[in-house]
PDB file of N, CA and C in Angstrom:
ATOM      1  N   MET A   1       0.754  -1.352  -0.043  1.00  0.00           N
ATOM      2  CA  MET A   1       0.022  -0.359   0.058  1.00  0.00           C
ATOM      3  C   MET A   1       1.033   1.337   0.152  1.00  0.00           C
ATOM      4  N   SER A   2       0.699   2.430  -0.705  1.00  0.00           N
ATOM      5  CA  SER A   2       1.248   3.557  -0.936  1.00  0.00           C
ATOM      6  C   SER A   2       1.306   4.321   0.230  1.00  0.00           C
ATOM      7  N   LYS A   3       1.713   5.079   0.580  1.00  0.00           N
ATOM      8  CA  LYS A   3       1.770   6.036   1.443  1.00  0.00           C
ATOM      9  C   LYS A   3       0.832   7.162   1.206  1.00  0.00           C
ATOM     10  N   ALA A   4      -0.230   7.734   1.807  1.00  0.00           N
ATOM     11  CA  ALA A   4      -0.950   8.831   1.144  1.00  0.00           C
ATOM     12  C   ALA A   4      -0.224  10.094   1.635  1.00  0.00           C
ATOM     13  N   HIS A   5      -0.343  11.202   1.425  1.00  0.00           N
ATOM     14  CA  HIS A   5       0.461  12.381   1.737  1.00  0.00           C
ATOM     15  C   HIS A   5      -0.936  13.288   1.769  1.00  0.00           C
ATOM     16  N   LEU A   6      -1.246  13.975   3.067  1.00  0.00           N
ATOM     17  CA  LEU A   6      -2.485  14.635   3.066  1.00  0.00           C
ATOM     18  C   LEU A   6      -2.006  16.046   4.096  1.00  0.00           C
ATOM     19  N   ARG A   7      -2.479  17.029   3.235  1.00  0.00           N
ATOM     20  CA  ARG A   7      -2.188  18.423   3.996  1.00  0.00           C
ATOM     21  C   ARG A   7      -3.623  18.735   4.239  1.00  0.00           C
ATOM     22  N   LEU A   8      -4.316  18.690   5.233  1.00  0.00           N
ATOM     23  CA  LEU A   8      -5.924  19.332   5.809  1.00  0.00           C
ATOM     24  C   LEU A   8      -5.567  20.677   6.026  1.00  0.00           C
ATOM     25  N   GLN A   9      -6.593  21.410   6.033  1.00  0.00           N
ATOM     26  CA  GLN A   9      -6.875  22.845   6.275  1.00  0.00           C
ATOM     27  C   GLN A   9      -7.752  22.581   7.794  1.00  0.00           C
ATOM     28  N   PRO A  10      -7.390  23.443   8.635  1.00  0.00           N
ATOM     29  CA  PRO A  10      -7.624  23.738  10.178  1.00  0.00           C
ATOM     30  C   PRO A  10      -9.661  22.917   9.963  1.00  0.00           C
ATOM     31  N   SER A  11     -10.258  23.279   9.196  1.00  0.00           N
ATOM     32  CA  SER A  11     -11.697  23.622   9.302  1.00  0.00           C
ATOM     33  C   SER A  11     -11.787  22.049   8.925  1.00  0.00           C
ATOM     34  N   GLU A  12     -10.998  21.696   8.115  1.00  0.00           N
ATOM     35  CA  GLU A  12     -10.991  20.086   7.297  1.00  0.00           C
ATOM     36  C   GLU A  12     -10.489  19.062   8.528  1.00  0.00           C
ATOM     37  N   SER A  13      -9.841  19.492   9.260  1.00  0.00           N
ATOM     38  CA  SER A  13      -9.541  18.681  10.213  1.00  0.00           C
ATOM     39  C   SER A  13     -10.308  18.509  11.085  1.00  0.00           C
ATOM     40  N   ALA A  14     -11.065  19.340  11.343  1.00  0.00           N
ATOM     41  CA  ALA A  14     -11.681  19.177  13.020  1.00  0.00           C
ATOM     42  C   ALA A  14     -13.407  18.436  12.347  1.00  0.00           C
ATOM     43  N   VAL A  15     -13.547  18.604  10.929  1.00  0.00           N
ATOM     44  CA  VAL A  15     -14.661  17.536  10.490  1.00  0.00           C
ATOM     45  C   VAL A  15     -14.517  16.139  10.523  1.00  0.00           C
ATOM     46  N   THR A  16     -12.924  15.997  10.023  1.00  0.00           N
ATOM     47  CA  THR A  16     -12.406  14.523   9.988  1.00  0.00           C
ATOM     48  C   THR A  16     -12.371  14.143  11.539  1.00  0.00           C
ATOM     49  N   ALA A  17     -12.004  15.057  12.309  1.00  0.00           N
ATOM     50  CA  ALA A  17     -11.975  14.392  13.463  1.00  0.00           C
ATOM     51  C   ALA A  17     -13.594  13.899  13.939  1.00  0.00           C
ATOM     52  N   ALA A  18     -14.550  14.869  13.905  1.00  0.00           N
ATOM     53  CA  ALA A  18     -15.775  14.865  14.281  1.00  0.00           C
ATOM     54  C   ALA A  18     -16.348  13.414  13.730  1.00  0.00           C
ATOM     55  N   ALA A  19     -16.383  13.588  12.126  1.00  0.00           N
ATOM     56  CA  ALA A  19     -16.672  12.030  11.158  1.00  0.00           C
ATOM     57  C   ALA A  19     -16.151  11.018  11.929  1.00  0.00           C
ATOM     58  N   SER A  20     -15.015  11.110  12.282  1.00  0.00           N
ATOM     59  CA  SER A  20     -14.169   9.842  12.745  1.00  0.00           C
ATOM     60  C   SER A  20     -14.828   9.267  14.012  1.00  0.00           C
ATOM     61  N   ARG A  21     -15.573  10.179  14.815  1.00  0.00           N
ATOM     62  CA  ARG A  21     -16.570   9.728  16.254  1.00  0.00           C
ATOM     63  C   ARG A  21     -17.517   9.230  15.568  1.00  0.00           C
ATOM     64  N   ILE A  22     -18.058   9.951  14.994  1.00  0.00           N
ATOM     65  CA  ILE A  22     -19.256   9.631  14.376  1.00  0.00           C
ATOM     66  C   ILE A  22     -19.353   8.341  14.009  1.00  0.00           C
ATOM     67  N   TYR A  23     -18.693   7.938  13.175  1.00  0.00           N
ATOM     68  CA  TYR A  23     -18.449   6.444  12.132  1.00  0.00           C
ATOM     69  C   TYR A  23     -18.187   5.826  13.568  1.00  0.00           C
ATOM     70  N   ALA A  24     -17.327   6.088  14.451  1.00  0.00           N
ATOM     71  CA  ALA A  24     -16.754   4.933  15.564  1.00  0.00           C
ATOM     72  C   ALA A  24     -18.211   4.492  16.542  1.00  0.00           C
ATOM     73  N   ALA A  25     -18.990   5.553  16.383  1.00  0.00           N
ATOM     74  CA  ALA A  25     -19.904   5.368  17.040  1.00  0.00           C
ATOM     75  C   ALA A  25     -20.845   4.409  16.777  1.00  0.00           C
ATOM     76  N   TYR A  26     -21.172   5.057  15.321  1.00  0.00           N
ATOM     77  CA  TYR A  26     -21.808   3.845  14.203  1.00  0.00           C
ATOM     78  C   TYR A  26     -21.007   2.095  14.492  1.00  0.00           C
ATOM     79  N   LEU A  27     -19.667   2.060  14.690  1.00  0.00           N
ATOM     80  CA  LEU A  27     -19.219   0.674  14.245  1.00  0.00           C
ATOM     81  C   LEU A  27     -19.492  -0.319  15.757  1.00  0.00           C
ATOM     82  N   ILE A  28     -19.059   0.817  16.811  1.00  0.00           N
ATOM     83  CA  ILE A  28     -19.575   0.243  18.346  1.00  0.00           C
ATOM     84  C   ILE A  28     -20.580  -0.118  18.197  1.00  0.00           C
ATOM     85  N   SER A  29     -21.798   0.592  17.838  1.00  0.00           N
ATOM     86  CA  SER A  29     -22.824  -0.105  18.017  1.00  0.00           C
ATOM     87  C   SER A  29     -23.580  -0.431  17.031  1.00  0.00           C
ATOM     88  N   GLY A  30     -22.680  -1.436  15.975  1.00  0.00           N
ATOM     89  CA  GLY A  30     -23.352  -2.814  15.036  1.00  0.00           C
ATOM     90  C   GLY A  30     -24.087  -2.361  13.808  1.00  0.00           C
ATOM     91  N   ARG A  31     -24.241  -0.947  13.701  1.00  0.00           N
ATOM     92  CA  ARG A  31     -25.073  -0.379  12.852  1.00  0.00           C
ATOM     93  C   ARG A  31     -24.445  -0.271  11.024  1.00  0.00           C
ATOM     94  N   VAL A  32     -22.685  -0.876  11.137  1.00  0.00           N
ATOM     95  CA  VAL A  32     -22.204  -0.546   9.656  1.00  0.00           C
ATOM     96  C   VAL A  32     -22.113  -2.447   9.430  1.00  0.00           C
ATOM     97  N   PRO A  33     -22.522  -2.683   8.647  1.00  0.00           N
ATOM     98  CA  PRO A  33     -22.856  -4.100   8.166  1.00  0.00           C
ATOM     99  C   PRO A  33     -21.398  -4.377   7.045  1.00  0.00           C
ATOM    100  N   GLU A  34     -20.841  -5.423   6.951  1.00  0.00           N
ATOM    101  CA  GLU A  34     -19.689  -6.039   6.315  1.00  0.00           C
ATOM    102  C   GLU A  34     -19.788  -5.546   4.716  1.00  0.00           C
ATOM    103  N   GLY A  35     -18.834  -4.686   4.571  1.00  0.00           N
ATOM    104  CA  GLY A  35     -19.048  -4.202   2.927  1.00  0.00           C
ATOM    105  C   GLY A  35     -20.002  -3.091   2.762  1.00  0.00           C
ATOM    106  N   SER A  36     -20.309  -2.334   3.867  1.00  0.00           N
ATOM    107  CA  SER A  36     -20.814  -0.969   3.597  1.00  0.00           C
ATOM    108  C   SER A  36     -20.002   0.143   4.403  1.00  0.00           C
ATOM    109  N   GLN A  37     -18.925  -0.233   4.762  1.00  0.00           N
ATOM    110  CA  GLN A  37     -18.224   0.775   5.400  1.00  0.00           C
ATOM    111  C   GLN A  37     -18.003   2.166   4.464  1.00  0.00           C
ATOM    112  N   GLN A  38     -17.514   2.470   3.279  1.00  0.00           N
ATOM    113  CA  GLN A  38     -17.500   3.339   2.489  1.00  0.00           C
ATOM    114  C   GLN A  38     -18.957   4.437   2.823  1.00  0.00           C
ATOM    115  N   GLU A  39     -20.339   3.548   2.364  1.00  0.00           N
ATOM    116  CA  GLU A  39     -21.332   4.447   2.482  1.00  0.00           C
ATOM    117  C   GLU A  39     -21.326   5.293   3.869  1.00  0.00           C
ATOM    118  N   TRP A  40     -21.157   4.432   5.272  1.00  0.00           N
ATOM    119  CA  TRP A  40     -21.523   4.633   6.540  1.00  0.00           C
ATOM    120  C   TRP A  40     -20.270   6.010   6.606  1.00  0.00           C
ATOM    121  N   ILE A  41     -19.034   5.773   5.793  1.00  0.00           N
ATOM    122  CA  ILE A  41     -17.812   7.099   6.162  1.00  0.00           C
ATOM    123  C   ILE A  41     -18.660   8.022   5.741  1.00  0.00           C
ATOM    124  N   ALA A  42     -19.208   8.141   4.344  1.00  0.00           N
ATOM    125  CA  ALA A  42     -19.241   9.163   3.870  1.00  0.00           C
ATOM    126  C   ALA A  42     -20.716   9.886   4.712  1.00  0.00           C
ATOM    127  N   ARG A  43     -21.283   9.191   5.153  1.00  0.00           N
ATOM    128  CA  ARG A  43     -22.515   9.248   5.643  1.00  0.00           C
ATOM    129  C   ARG A  43     -22.194   9.927   7.423  1.00  0.00           C
ATOM    130  N   SER A  44     -20.846   9.802   7.673  1.00  0.00           N
ATOM    131  CA  SER A  44     -20.319  10.493   8.889  1.00  0.00           C
ATOM    132  C   SER A  44     -19.776  11.755   8.461  1.00  0.00           C
ATOM    133  N   VAL A  45     -19.381  11.654   7.127  1.00  0.00           N
ATOM    134  CA  VAL A  45     -18.313  12.940   6.964  1.00  0.00           C
ATOM    135  C   VAL A  45     -19.928  14.057   6.705  1.00  0.00           C
ATOM    136  N   ARG A  46     -20.998  13.531   6.308  1.00  0.00           N
ATOM    137  CA  ARG A  46     -22.140  14.511   5.840  1.00  0.00           C
ATOM    138  C   ARG A  46     -22.573  15.257   7.191  1.00  0.00           C
ATOM    139  N   GLU A  47     -22.542  14.095   8.252  1.00  0.00           N
ATOM    140  CA  GLU A  47     -23.348  14.626   9.401  1.00  0.00           C
ATOM    141  C   GLU A  47     -22.452  15.311  10.078  1.00  0.00           C
ATOM    142  N   ALA A  48     -20.825  15.154   9.966  1.00  0.00           N
ATOM    143  CA  ALA A  48     -20.215  16.140  10.515  1.00  0.00           C
ATOM    144  C   ALA A  48     -20.176  17.491  10.094  1.00  0.00           C
ATOM    145  N   VAL A  49     -19.949  17.453   8.515  1.00  0.00           N
ATOM    146  CA  VAL A  49     -20.456  18.635   7.895  1.00  0.00           C
ATOM    147  C   VAL A  49     -21.636  19.826   8.451  1.00  0.00           C
ATOM    148  N   GLU A  50     -22.538  19.095   8.856  1.00  0.00           N
ATOM    149  CA  GLU A  50     -24.445  19.316   8.930  1.00  0.00           C
ATOM    150  C   GLU A  50     -23.817  20.002  10.566  1.00  0.00           C
ATOM    151  N   ILE A  51     -23.380  19.343  11.171  1.00  0.00           N
ATOM    152  CA  ILE A  51     -23.023  19.415  12.630  1.00  0.00           C
ATOM    153  C   ILE A  51     -22.217  21.095  12.642  1.00  0.00           C
ATOM    154  N   ALA A  52     -21.023  20.694  11.791  1.00  0.00           N
ATOM    155  CA  ALA A  52     -19.905  22.433  11.858  1.00  0.00           C
ATOM    156  C   ALA A  52     -20.583  23.334  11.289  1.00  0.00           C
ATOM    157  N   THR A  53     -21.745  23.359  10.248  1.00  0.00           N
ATOM    158  CA  THR A  53     -22.218  24.599   9.636  1.00  0.00           C
ATOM    159  C   THR A  53     -23.280  24.886  10.658  1.00  0.00           C
ATOM    160  N   ALA A  54     -24.047  24.164  11.424  1.00  0.00           N
ATOM    161  CA  ALA A  54     -24.944  24.674  12.481  1.00  0.00           C
ATOM    162  C   ALA A  54     -24.186  25.218  13.726  1.00  0.00           C
ATOM    163  N   ALA A  55     -22.983  24.591  13.986  1.00  0.00           N
ATOM    164  CA  ALA A  55     -22.103  25.474  15.012  1.00  0.00           C
ATOM    165  C   ALA A  55     -21.503  27.066  14.422  1.00  0.00           C
ATOM    166  N   ASP A  56     -21.229  26.889  13.176  1.00  0.00           N
ATOM    167  CA  ASP A  56     -20.978  28.152  12.634  1.00  0.00           C
ATOM    168  C   ASP A  56     -22.443  29.191  12.462  1.00  0.00           C
ATOM    169  N   ALA A  57     -23.221  28.604  12.304  1.00  0.00           N
ATOM    170  CA  ALA A  57     -24.102  29.670  12.355  1.00  0.00           C
ATOM    171  C   ALA A  57     -24.646  29.819  13.619  1.00  0.00           C
ATOM    172  N   ALA A  58     -24.539  29.185  14.590  1.00  0.00           N
ATOM    173  CA  ALA A  58     -25.104  29.638  16.054  1.00  0.00           C
ATOM    174  C   ALA A  58     -23.898  30.189  16.686  1.00  0.00           C
ATOM    175  N   VAL A  59     -22.275  30.505  16.681  1.00  0.00           N
ATOM    176  CA  VAL A  59     -21.361  31.166  17.583  1.00  0.00           C
ATOM    177  C   VAL A  59     -20.674  32.229  16.585  1.00  0.00           C
ATOM    178  N   ILE A  60     -20.261  33.101  17.239  1.00  0.00           N
ATOM    179  CA  ILE A  60     -19.507  33.829  16.665  1.00  0.00           C
ATOM    180  C   ILE A  60     -17.730  33.999  16.990  1.00  0.00           C
ATOM    181  N   SER A  61     -17.436  33.505  16.020  1.00  0.00           N
ATOM    182  CA  SER A  61     -15.880  33.333  16.379  1.00  0.00           C
ATOM    183  C   SER A  61     -14.907  34.524  16.698  1.00  0.00           C
ATOM    184  N   ASP A  62     -13.958  34.381  17.574  1.00  0.00           N
ATOM    185  CA  ASP A  62     -13.010  35.562  17.842  1.00  0.00           C
ATOM    186  C   ASP A  62     -12.713  35.936  16.551  1.00  0.00           C
ATOM    187  N   ASP A  63     -12.272  35.517  15.485  1.00  0.00           N
ATOM    188  CA  ASP A  63     -11.794  35.771  14.455  1.00  0.00           C
ATOM    189  C   ASP A  63     -12.873  36.811  13.794  1.00  0.00           C
ATOM    190  N   GLU A  64     -14.075  36.451  13.822  1.00  0.00           N
ATOM    191  CA  GLU A  64     -15.386  37.284  13.202  1.00  0.00           C
ATOM    192  C   GLU A  64     -15.405  38.557  14.145  1.00  0.00           C
ATOM    193  N   ILE A  65     -15.048  38.401  15.438  1.00  0.00           N
ATOM    194  CA  ILE A  65     -15.447  39.674  16.356  1.00  0.00           C
ATOM    195  C   ILE A  65     -14.547  40.860  15.628  1.00  0.00           C
ATOM    196  N   GLU A  66     -13.116  39.995  16.061  1.00  0.00           N
ATOM    197  CA  GLU A  66     -12.283  40.989  15.482  1.00  0.00           C
ATOM    198  C   GLU A  66     -12.268  41.687  14.020  1.00  0.00           C
ATOM    199  N   SER A  67     -12.573  40.674  12.864  1.00  0.00           N
ATOM    200  CA  SER A  67     -12.375  41.089  11.758  1.00  0.00           C
ATOM    201  C   SER A  67     -13.867  42.399  11.736  1.00  0.00           C
ATOM    202  N   ARG A  68     -14.677  42.527  12.853  1.00  0.00           N
ATOM    203  CA  ARG A  68     -16.154  43.295  12.556  1.00  0.00           C
ATOM    204  C   ARG A  68     -15.542  44.571  13.709  1.00  0.00           C
ATOM    205  N   GLU A  69     -14.374  44.453  14.216  1.00  0.00           N
ATOM    206  CA  GLU A  69     -14.507  45.715  15.205  1.00  0.00           C
ATOM    207  C   GLU A  69     -13.902  46.751  14.196  1.00  0.00           C
ATOM    208  N   GLY A  70     -14.705  48.250  14.602  1.00  0.00           N
ATOM    209  CA  GLY A  70     -14.278  49.386  13.583  1.00  0.00           C
ATOM    210  C   GLY A  70     -15.242  49.327  12.858  1.00  0.00           C
ATOM    211  N   GLN A  71     -16.034  48.149  12.416  1.00  0.00           N
ATOM    212  CA  GLN A  71     -17.383  48.598  11.180  1.00  0.00           C
ATOM    213  C   GLN A  71     -18.427  48.675  11.829  1.00  0.00           C
ATOM    214  N   SER A  72     -19.379  49.185  11.392  1.00  0.00           N
ATOM    215  CA  SER A  72     -20.874  49.460  11.718  1.00  0.00           C
ATOM    216  C   SER A  72     -21.575  48.034  11.236  1.00  0.00           C
ATOM    217  N   LEU A  73     -21.884  47.674  12.951  1.00  0.00           N
ATOM    218  CA  LEU A  73     -22.494  46.338  13.065  1.00  0.00           C
ATOM    219  C   LEU A  73     -23.980  46.764  12.582  1.00  0.00           C
ATOM    220  N   GLY A  74     -24.442  45.993  11.180  1.00  0.00           N
ATOM    221  CA  GLY A  74     -25.602  46.353  10.605  1.00  0.00           C
ATOM    222  C   GLY A  74     -26.671  45.585  11.264  1.00  0.00           C
ATOM    223  N   ASP A  75     -26.559  44.607  11.806  1.00  0.00           N
ATOM    224  CA  ASP A  75     -27.617  43.614  12.428  1.00  0.00           C
ATOM    225  C   ASP A  75     -27.589  43.543  13.636  1.00  0.00           C
ATOM    226  N   PRO A  76     -28.644  43.474  14.251  1.00  0.00           N
ATOM    227  CA  PRO A  76     -28.631  43.765  16.005  1.00  0.00           C
ATOM    228  C   PRO A  76     -27.491  42.708  16.568  1.00  0.00           C
ATOM    229  N   VAL A  77     -27.334  41.637  16.007  1.00  0.00           N
ATOM    230  CA  VAL A  77     -26.244  40.426  16.972  1.00  0.00           C
ATOM    231  C   VAL A  77     -24.781  40.799  16.442  1.00  0.00           C
ATOM    232  N   GLY A  78     -24.468  41.769  15.235  1.00  0.00           N
ATOM    233  CA  GLY A  78     -23.176  41.576  14.435  1.00  0.00           C
ATOM    234  C   GLY A  78     -22.972  40.548  13.834  1.00  0.00           C
ATOM    235  N   ARG A  79     -23.578  39.454  13.208  1.00  0.00           N
ATOM    236  CA  ARG A  79     -23.250  38.408  12.640  1.00  0.00           C
ATOM    237  C   ARG A  79     -23.525  38.669  10.930  1.00  0.00           C
ATOM    238  N   THR A  80     -22.087  38.723  10.570  1.00  0.00           N
ATOM    239  CA  THR A  80     -22.287  38.397   9.098  1.00  0.00           C
ATOM    240  C   THR A  80     -23.094  37.264   8.299  1.00  0.00           C
ATOM    241  N   PRO A  81     -23.981  37.307   7.357  1.00  0.00           N
ATOM    242  CA  PRO A  81     -24.987  36.785   6.763  1.00  0.00           C
ATOM    243  C   PRO A  81     -23.970  35.261   6.640  1.00  0.00           C
ATOM    244  N   PRO A  82     -24.414  34.127   6.572  1.00  0.00           N
ATOM    245  CA  PRO A  82     -23.762  32.928   6.419  1.00  0.00           C
ATOM    246  C   PRO A  82     -23.005  32.764   4.458  1.00  0.00           C
ATOM    247  N   SER A  83     -24.265  33.428   4.030  1.00  0.00           N
ATOM    248  CA  SER A  83     -23.880  33.364   2.459  1.00  0.00           C
ATOM    249  C   SER A  83     -22.573  34.510   1.676  1.00  0.00           C
ATOM    250  N   SER A  84     -22.344  35.159   3.145  1.00  0.00           N
ATOM    251  CA  SER A  84     -21.071  36.301   2.824  1.00  0.00           C
ATOM    252  C   SER A  84     -20.159  36.015   3.162  1.00  0.00           C
ATOM    253  N   ARG A  85     -19.779  34.519   4.112  1.00  0.00           N
ATOM    254  CA  ARG A  85     -18.488  34.442   4.683  1.00  0.00           C
ATOM    255  C   ARG A  85     -17.775  33.686   3.953  1.00  0.00           C
ATOM    256  N   HIS A  86     -16.797  34.007   3.935  1.00  0.00           N
ATOM    257  CA  HIS A  86     -15.612  33.008   3.379  1.00  0.00           C
ATOM    258  C   HIS A  86     -15.561  31.579   4.098  1.00  0.00           C
ATOM    259  N   ARG A  87     -15.851  30.483   3.518  1.00  0.00           N
ATOM    260  CA  ARG A  87     -15.645  29.237   3.988  1.00  0.00           C
ATOM    261  C   ARG A  87     -14.003  28.565   3.518  1.00  0.00           C
ATOM    262  N   GLY A  88     -13.821  27.686   4.727  1.00  0.00           N
ATOM    263  CA  GLY A  88     -12.225  26.728   4.713  1.00  0.00           C
ATOM    264  C   GLY A  88     -11.622  27.053   5.436  1.00  0.00           C
TER     265      GLY A  88
END
């Protein structure tokens, strides 16, 4: 087997960590039938992204606060609408 070289961004690493815990829970609970591991891994990644997206929508990060300092806070809670924020 050849060695894979990965260079994940911090957000990708966070989603990978969450997805691995979700997948491990499915494995431990016996929900992953033999031969369907890839499907359950994909499901775990989708669920981890869904959780990360919900957390991003609910929490103002330190970087978001710092980037908005000195700017007019147009909306009452100081959030940039999700559609206009950079992801990555």
